[in-house]
Protein backbone atom coordinates (compact mmCIF):
# COMPACT_ATOMS: atom_id res chain seq x y z
CA MET A 1 132.75 -264.12 71.49
CA ALA A 2 135.90 -265.64 73.85
CA ALA A 3 132.72 -267.95 75.34
CA LEU A 4 131.81 -268.93 72.37
CA ALA A 5 134.99 -270.19 70.93
CA TYR A 6 135.89 -271.92 74.57
CA ARG A 7 132.83 -274.45 73.79
CA LEU A 8 134.08 -275.17 70.18
CA TRP A 9 137.18 -275.51 71.83
CA GLU A 10 134.97 -278.05 74.62
CA LEU A 11 133.29 -280.18 71.58
CA LYS A 12 136.11 -280.05 69.51
CA ALA A 13 138.57 -282.05 72.72
CA GLU A 14 135.11 -283.92 72.78
CA ALA A 15 135.25 -285.28 69.78
CA GLY A 16 138.48 -286.38 69.79
CA ASP A 17 140.08 -283.07 68.82
CA PRO A 18 140.87 -283.08 64.79
CA SER A 19 142.53 -281.51 63.14
CA PHE A 20 140.99 -278.54 61.23
CA ALA A 21 141.96 -279.16 58.13
CA GLU A 22 140.33 -283.04 58.76
CA MET A 23 137.52 -281.35 59.85
CA SER A 24 136.98 -279.37 56.37
CA THR A 25 138.84 -282.18 54.10
CA ARG A 26 137.41 -285.88 55.18
CA MET A 27 134.98 -285.06 57.78
CA GLY A 28 133.05 -282.59 55.38
CA ALA A 29 132.40 -278.98 57.16
CA ALA A 30 131.44 -276.99 54.30
CA ALA A 31 134.03 -274.21 55.57
CA SER A 32 137.85 -273.63 55.02
CA LYS A 33 140.39 -274.59 57.60
CA SER A 34 141.10 -271.20 58.49
CA SER A 35 137.47 -270.53 59.14
CA LEU A 36 137.09 -273.08 61.22
CA ALA A 37 140.67 -271.85 63.54
CA ALA A 38 139.70 -268.25 63.12
CA ALA A 39 136.19 -269.40 65.27
CA ALA A 40 137.59 -271.24 67.46
CA ARG A 41 139.98 -268.18 68.14
CA GLY A 42 137.29 -265.51 70.16
CA GLN A 43 138.81 -262.51 68.24
CA VAL A 44 136.29 -261.83 65.27
CA LEU A 45 132.46 -263.49 65.82
CA PRO A 46 132.31 -266.43 63.24
CA THR A 47 129.25 -266.31 60.60
CA TRP A 48 126.59 -268.60 62.05
CA GLU A 49 126.83 -270.64 58.92
CA THR A 50 131.09 -271.53 59.93
CA THR A 51 129.84 -272.04 62.79
CA TRP A 52 127.40 -274.83 62.41
CA GLU A 53 129.94 -276.43 60.15
CA PHE A 54 131.99 -276.70 62.77
CA VAL A 55 129.37 -278.03 65.42
CA ARG A 56 127.39 -280.37 62.74
CA VAL A 57 130.28 -282.19 61.60
CA LEU A 58 131.68 -282.38 65.60
CA ALA A 59 128.29 -282.98 67.32
CA VAL A 60 126.54 -284.22 64.74
CA ASP A 61 128.20 -286.12 62.22
CA ARG A 62 131.14 -287.21 64.95
CA LEU A 63 129.05 -287.09 68.94
CA ASN A 64 126.01 -288.63 67.20
CA GLN A 65 123.67 -285.94 68.51
CA ASP A 66 120.67 -284.74 67.39
CA ALA A 67 120.96 -282.54 65.06
CA GLU A 68 117.83 -280.35 65.46
CA GLU A 69 118.69 -280.06 69.13
CA ALA A 70 122.10 -279.19 68.18
CA ARG A 71 120.99 -276.24 66.06
CA ARG A 72 118.97 -274.73 68.71
CA GLU A 73 121.21 -274.71 71.46
CA TRP A 74 124.61 -273.64 69.18
CA ARG A 75 122.13 -270.72 67.78
CA ALA A 76 121.14 -269.60 70.84
CA HIS A 77 124.67 -269.61 72.00
CA TRP A 78 126.12 -268.29 68.88
CA GLU A 79 123.42 -265.72 68.82
CA ARG A 80 124.33 -264.59 72.37
CA ALA A 81 127.68 -263.82 71.35
CA ALA A 82 126.85 -261.60 68.39
CA SER A 83 124.52 -259.79 70.82
CA ALA A 84 127.80 -258.86 73.27
CA ALA A 85 129.47 -258.06 69.90
CA ALA A 86 126.84 -255.65 68.31
CA ARG A 87 126.21 -254.26 72.20
CA SER A 88 130.43 -253.56 72.16
CA GLU A 89 130.56 -251.63 68.26
CA THR A 90 127.30 -249.40 69.64
CA THR A 91 128.81 -248.75 73.11
CA GLU A 92 132.84 -247.36 71.01
CA ASP A 93 130.57 -246.08 68.62
CA ARG A 94 128.79 -243.60 70.97
CA THR A 95 131.85 -242.74 73.13
CA GLY A 96 133.50 -241.40 69.77
CA HIS A 97 130.59 -239.23 68.69
CA ASP A 98 130.48 -238.34 72.00
CA GLU A 99 134.24 -236.66 72.21
CA THR A 100 134.02 -235.60 68.65
CA ARG A 101 130.30 -233.75 69.15
CA ALA A 102 131.66 -230.25 69.39
CA GLY A 103 133.82 -230.98 66.27
CA PRO A 104 131.10 -230.16 63.69
CA ALA A 105 129.79 -227.20 65.08
CA GLU A 106 132.88 -225.69 65.34
CA GLY A 107 133.21 -226.28 61.25
CA ARG A 108 129.58 -224.64 60.83
CA THR A 109 130.95 -221.79 62.54
CA GLY A 110 134.32 -220.68 60.78
CA HIS A 111 132.87 -221.74 57.73
CA ASP A 112 130.08 -219.28 58.27
CA GLU A 113 132.93 -216.62 58.76
CA THR A 114 134.21 -217.17 55.96
CA ARG A 115 131.52 -217.24 53.68
CA ALA A 116 131.64 -213.45 52.19
CA GLY A 117 135.28 -214.78 51.59
CA PRO A 118 134.69 -216.22 47.98
CA ALA A 119 132.89 -213.51 46.78
CA GLU A 120 135.25 -210.96 47.72
CA ALA A 121 138.35 -212.91 46.49
CA ARG A 122 136.13 -212.78 42.88
CA ALA A 123 135.45 -209.29 43.00
CA GLY A 124 139.15 -208.69 44.15
CA HIS A 125 140.38 -210.53 41.36
CA ILE A 126 138.07 -208.84 38.48
CA GLU A 127 139.43 -205.63 39.90
CA THR A 128 143.03 -206.09 39.84
CA GLU A 129 142.35 -207.71 36.27
CA ALA A 130 141.23 -203.93 35.05
CA ARG A 131 143.88 -202.74 36.73
CA MET A 132 146.50 -204.72 35.05
CA ALA A 133 145.09 -204.11 31.57
CA GLU A 134 145.13 -200.16 32.47
CA HIS A 135 149.25 -200.07 33.55
CA PRO A 136 150.64 -203.35 31.80
CA GLU A 137 153.61 -202.63 33.77
CA ARG A 138 152.68 -203.49 36.94
CA ARG A 139 152.62 -207.42 35.88
CA THR A 140 156.39 -207.50 36.38
CA ARG A 141 157.08 -204.94 38.94
CA PRO A 142 155.48 -205.10 42.23
CA PRO A 143 154.41 -201.93 43.93
CA LEU A 144 156.40 -199.04 45.30
CA ALA A 145 154.66 -199.86 48.47
CA ARG A 146 155.40 -203.22 48.99
CA ARG A 147 158.96 -203.16 48.52
CA PRO A 148 159.90 -203.33 52.35
CA ALA A 149 157.75 -205.87 52.91
CA MET A 150 159.10 -207.86 50.53
CA ILE A 151 162.65 -206.81 51.11
CA ALA A 152 162.30 -207.60 54.55
CA ALA A 153 160.79 -211.11 54.17
CA VAL A 154 163.76 -211.28 52.00
CA ALA A 155 165.85 -210.84 55.25
CA THR A 156 164.37 -212.85 57.15
CA ALA A 157 164.96 -216.21 54.71
CA ALA A 158 168.06 -215.66 53.66
CA ALA A 159 168.64 -215.41 58.25
CA ALA A 160 166.70 -218.49 58.88
CA THR A 161 168.30 -220.35 55.76
CA GLY A 162 171.95 -218.54 56.84
CA ALA A 163 171.67 -220.03 60.95
CA ALA A 164 170.24 -223.34 59.29
CA LEU A 165 173.36 -223.47 57.16
CA PHE A 166 175.65 -222.52 60.62
CA SER A 167 173.51 -225.15 62.60
CA TRP A 168 174.96 -228.05 59.97
CA LEU A 169 178.40 -226.80 59.96
CA ALA A 170 179.19 -226.06 63.57
CA PRO A 171 179.96 -229.73 64.30
CA LEU A 172 182.56 -230.09 62.00
CA SER A 173 184.12 -226.81 63.24
CA GLY A 174 185.69 -228.60 66.46
CA LYS A 175 184.33 -226.06 68.86
CA ASP A 176 182.03 -227.20 71.97
CA GLU A 177 178.25 -226.49 71.74
CA PRO A 178 175.72 -227.05 74.28
CA SER A 179 174.33 -229.89 73.30
CA ALA A 180 169.93 -230.25 73.59
CA PRO A 181 169.00 -231.94 77.02
CA ASN A 182 168.12 -235.67 76.39
CA THR A 183 164.51 -236.34 76.36
CA PRO A 184 162.94 -239.11 77.76
CA ALA A 185 161.31 -242.19 75.48
CA ARG A 186 157.68 -242.58 76.45
CA ALA A 187 157.10 -245.69 78.13
CA ALA A 188 156.04 -248.52 75.89
CA SER A 189 152.25 -249.46 77.19
CA PRO A 190 152.58 -252.45 79.14
CA TYR A 191 151.01 -255.47 77.88
CA ASP A 192 150.67 -259.41 79.04
CA ASP A 193 151.48 -262.28 76.95
CA SER A 194 152.59 -265.77 77.21
CA ALA A 195 154.70 -268.28 75.48
CA PHE A 196 154.57 -271.81 75.49
CA GLU A 197 157.90 -273.54 75.64
CA ARG A 198 157.63 -277.39 76.46
CA ASP A 199 156.20 -280.27 78.04
CA VAL A 200 158.22 -281.03 81.11
CA THR A 201 157.23 -284.75 81.94
CA HIS A 202 154.82 -286.80 79.94
CA PRO A 203 154.84 -285.27 76.48
CA ASP A 204 151.50 -285.94 74.28
CA GLY A 205 151.10 -289.49 73.29
CA THR A 206 152.54 -290.84 76.43
CA LYS A 207 151.44 -294.12 77.47
CA VAL A 208 150.45 -294.47 81.74
CA LYS A 209 148.91 -297.73 83.22
CA THR A 210 144.92 -297.63 84.00
CA GLY A 211 144.61 -296.04 87.68
CA ALA A 212 148.02 -294.63 88.58
CA GLU A 213 149.04 -291.45 89.23
CA PHE A 214 151.33 -289.14 87.71
CA THR A 215 152.57 -285.39 87.56
CA LYS A 216 152.15 -283.43 84.20
CA ILE A 217 154.64 -280.22 84.69
CA TRP A 218 154.61 -277.76 81.39
CA ARG A 219 156.95 -275.25 81.24
CA ILE A 220 155.71 -270.82 80.10
CA ARG A 221 157.53 -267.97 79.93
CA ASN A 222 156.12 -264.69 80.98
CA THR A 223 156.81 -262.57 77.66
CA GLY A 224 154.41 -259.62 78.63
CA THR A 225 155.88 -256.32 80.88
CA ILE A 226 152.94 -257.29 83.85
CA PRO A 227 154.61 -259.63 87.04
CA TRP A 228 151.73 -262.46 87.12
CA ARG A 229 150.57 -262.61 91.02
CA GLY A 230 147.60 -264.38 92.46
CA ARG A 231 147.09 -266.12 89.11
CA TYR A 232 146.20 -270.45 88.26
CA LEU A 233 145.62 -273.28 85.41
CA THR A 234 141.90 -273.95 85.14
CA ARG A 235 140.72 -276.97 83.52
CA LEU A 236 138.57 -276.57 80.87
CA ASN A 237 136.65 -279.88 80.52
CA ASP A 238 135.92 -283.22 81.99
CA THR A 239 137.29 -286.65 81.37
CA PRO A 240 137.89 -290.14 82.48
CA CYS A 241 140.90 -288.47 84.21
CA ARG A 242 141.10 -286.88 87.27
CA ALA A 243 142.87 -284.43 88.03
CA PRO A 244 141.94 -280.56 90.10
CA LYS A 245 139.85 -278.34 89.04
CA ARG A 246 142.50 -275.35 89.58
CA VAL A 247 146.49 -275.21 90.23
CA GLU A 248 148.16 -271.96 91.65
CA ILE A 249 151.05 -270.65 89.23
CA HIS A 250 153.75 -269.29 91.52
CA PRO A 251 154.41 -265.18 91.10
CA VAL A 252 156.24 -264.63 88.00
CA GLN A 253 158.93 -261.40 86.46
CA PRO A 254 158.28 -260.29 82.75
CA GLY A 255 160.92 -262.33 80.80
CA GLU A 256 161.22 -265.56 83.55
CA PRO A 257 159.99 -269.29 82.88
CA VAL A 258 157.83 -271.14 85.46
CA ASP A 259 157.29 -275.33 85.33
CA ILE A 260 153.58 -275.57 86.07
CA ALA A 261 152.70 -278.83 87.70
CA VAL A 262 149.20 -280.82 88.12
CA ARG A 263 148.57 -284.24 89.66
CA VAL A 264 146.43 -286.36 87.12
CA ARG A 265 145.05 -290.05 88.64
CA ALA A 266 144.44 -291.85 85.16
CA SER A 267 141.39 -293.61 84.08
CA ASP A 268 140.04 -297.14 85.16
CA SER A 269 139.84 -297.95 81.95
CA PRO A 270 141.91 -298.00 78.98
CA GLY A 271 141.42 -294.93 76.37
CA ARG A 272 142.36 -291.37 75.83
CA CYS A 273 143.04 -289.05 78.32
CA LYS A 274 143.00 -284.99 77.38
CA ILE A 275 142.53 -282.04 79.68
CA TYR A 276 142.51 -278.54 78.24
CA TRP A 277 143.65 -275.60 80.84
CA LYS A 278 143.80 -271.69 80.43
CA MET A 279 144.85 -268.97 82.68
CA THR A 280 142.59 -267.29 85.25
CA ASP A 281 143.01 -265.01 88.41
CA GLU A 282 141.68 -265.80 91.38
CA ALA A 283 138.11 -265.03 90.27
CA GLY A 284 138.08 -267.63 87.65
CA THR A 285 138.11 -264.50 84.70
CA GLN A 286 140.09 -266.19 81.96
CA LEU A 287 143.08 -264.46 80.87
CA LEU A 288 144.92 -264.13 77.79
CA SER A 289 142.01 -265.43 75.84
CA ALA A 290 143.56 -264.58 72.17
CA LYS A 291 145.90 -267.79 73.89
CA LYS A 292 145.36 -271.73 72.94
CA PRO A 293 144.29 -273.78 75.88
CA ILE A 294 147.20 -275.87 76.91
CA PHE A 295 146.08 -279.36 77.51
CA LEU A 296 147.58 -283.18 78.73
CA ASP A 297 147.10 -285.88 76.24
CA VAL A 298 148.67 -289.27 77.31
CA VAL A 299 147.15 -292.68 76.22
CA VAL A 300 146.09 -294.96 79.15
CA GLY A 301 146.22 -298.37 78.95
């Protein structure tokens, strides 16, 4: 699903990066802007209909690609994502089934052991009703044999109530009582997260001269609990402007910001230059897949 989403982002960038609202209204996609945005996030698998409308208005209507070829290509991308999602769900279901397989058997055993209970209860109930009819006075007075047990139960309940009342009043008496040892709180599970803070140089829409070299700097913050080491910004698309494929991110501790700089050479002809980047590890595996790419967006002229 993430791979499908990245391809959709690349297509959107190639088509001039229109907004999802523009795609849904002015460009005529038969899908809502929220559905189109969800398809590009990669968190859930979009329907084929939503995927095709995303592709149709960009690849066919905006970039003039052949409709049938585009449909075959993107249908293959979508089917691969759907197949991977189905395999993942099957694996999760099988794991959960194996872990709980013993439960139903234990439940059946317990059921078999107590199966005679209802019949015995009904017989005892009938017998009790008959005895109560013969001795009406037993309806209001418990048998003498049961009185010691009842007295013991009442005494136990009274003792428990007294202990609870003492524990409530003890702090008010001014006496020092030993306190229970502090139980350390369970640590939260570590998680990875980031937040884009600002463009340090060359904000979106900056004009640069043809052929000029410049340095784009972003500032992002490590908002998770995992230190960043061995991470990079990796370019996702190609444009007439030239930039390195990968830029190293210096080590960042949780809560700290980092400035990431990339050297760019503007194209030799006027136009718009928009380059997308995602965080990856050293092997090129994309990280924080739910996050949108950061990008450079300048006007060359």
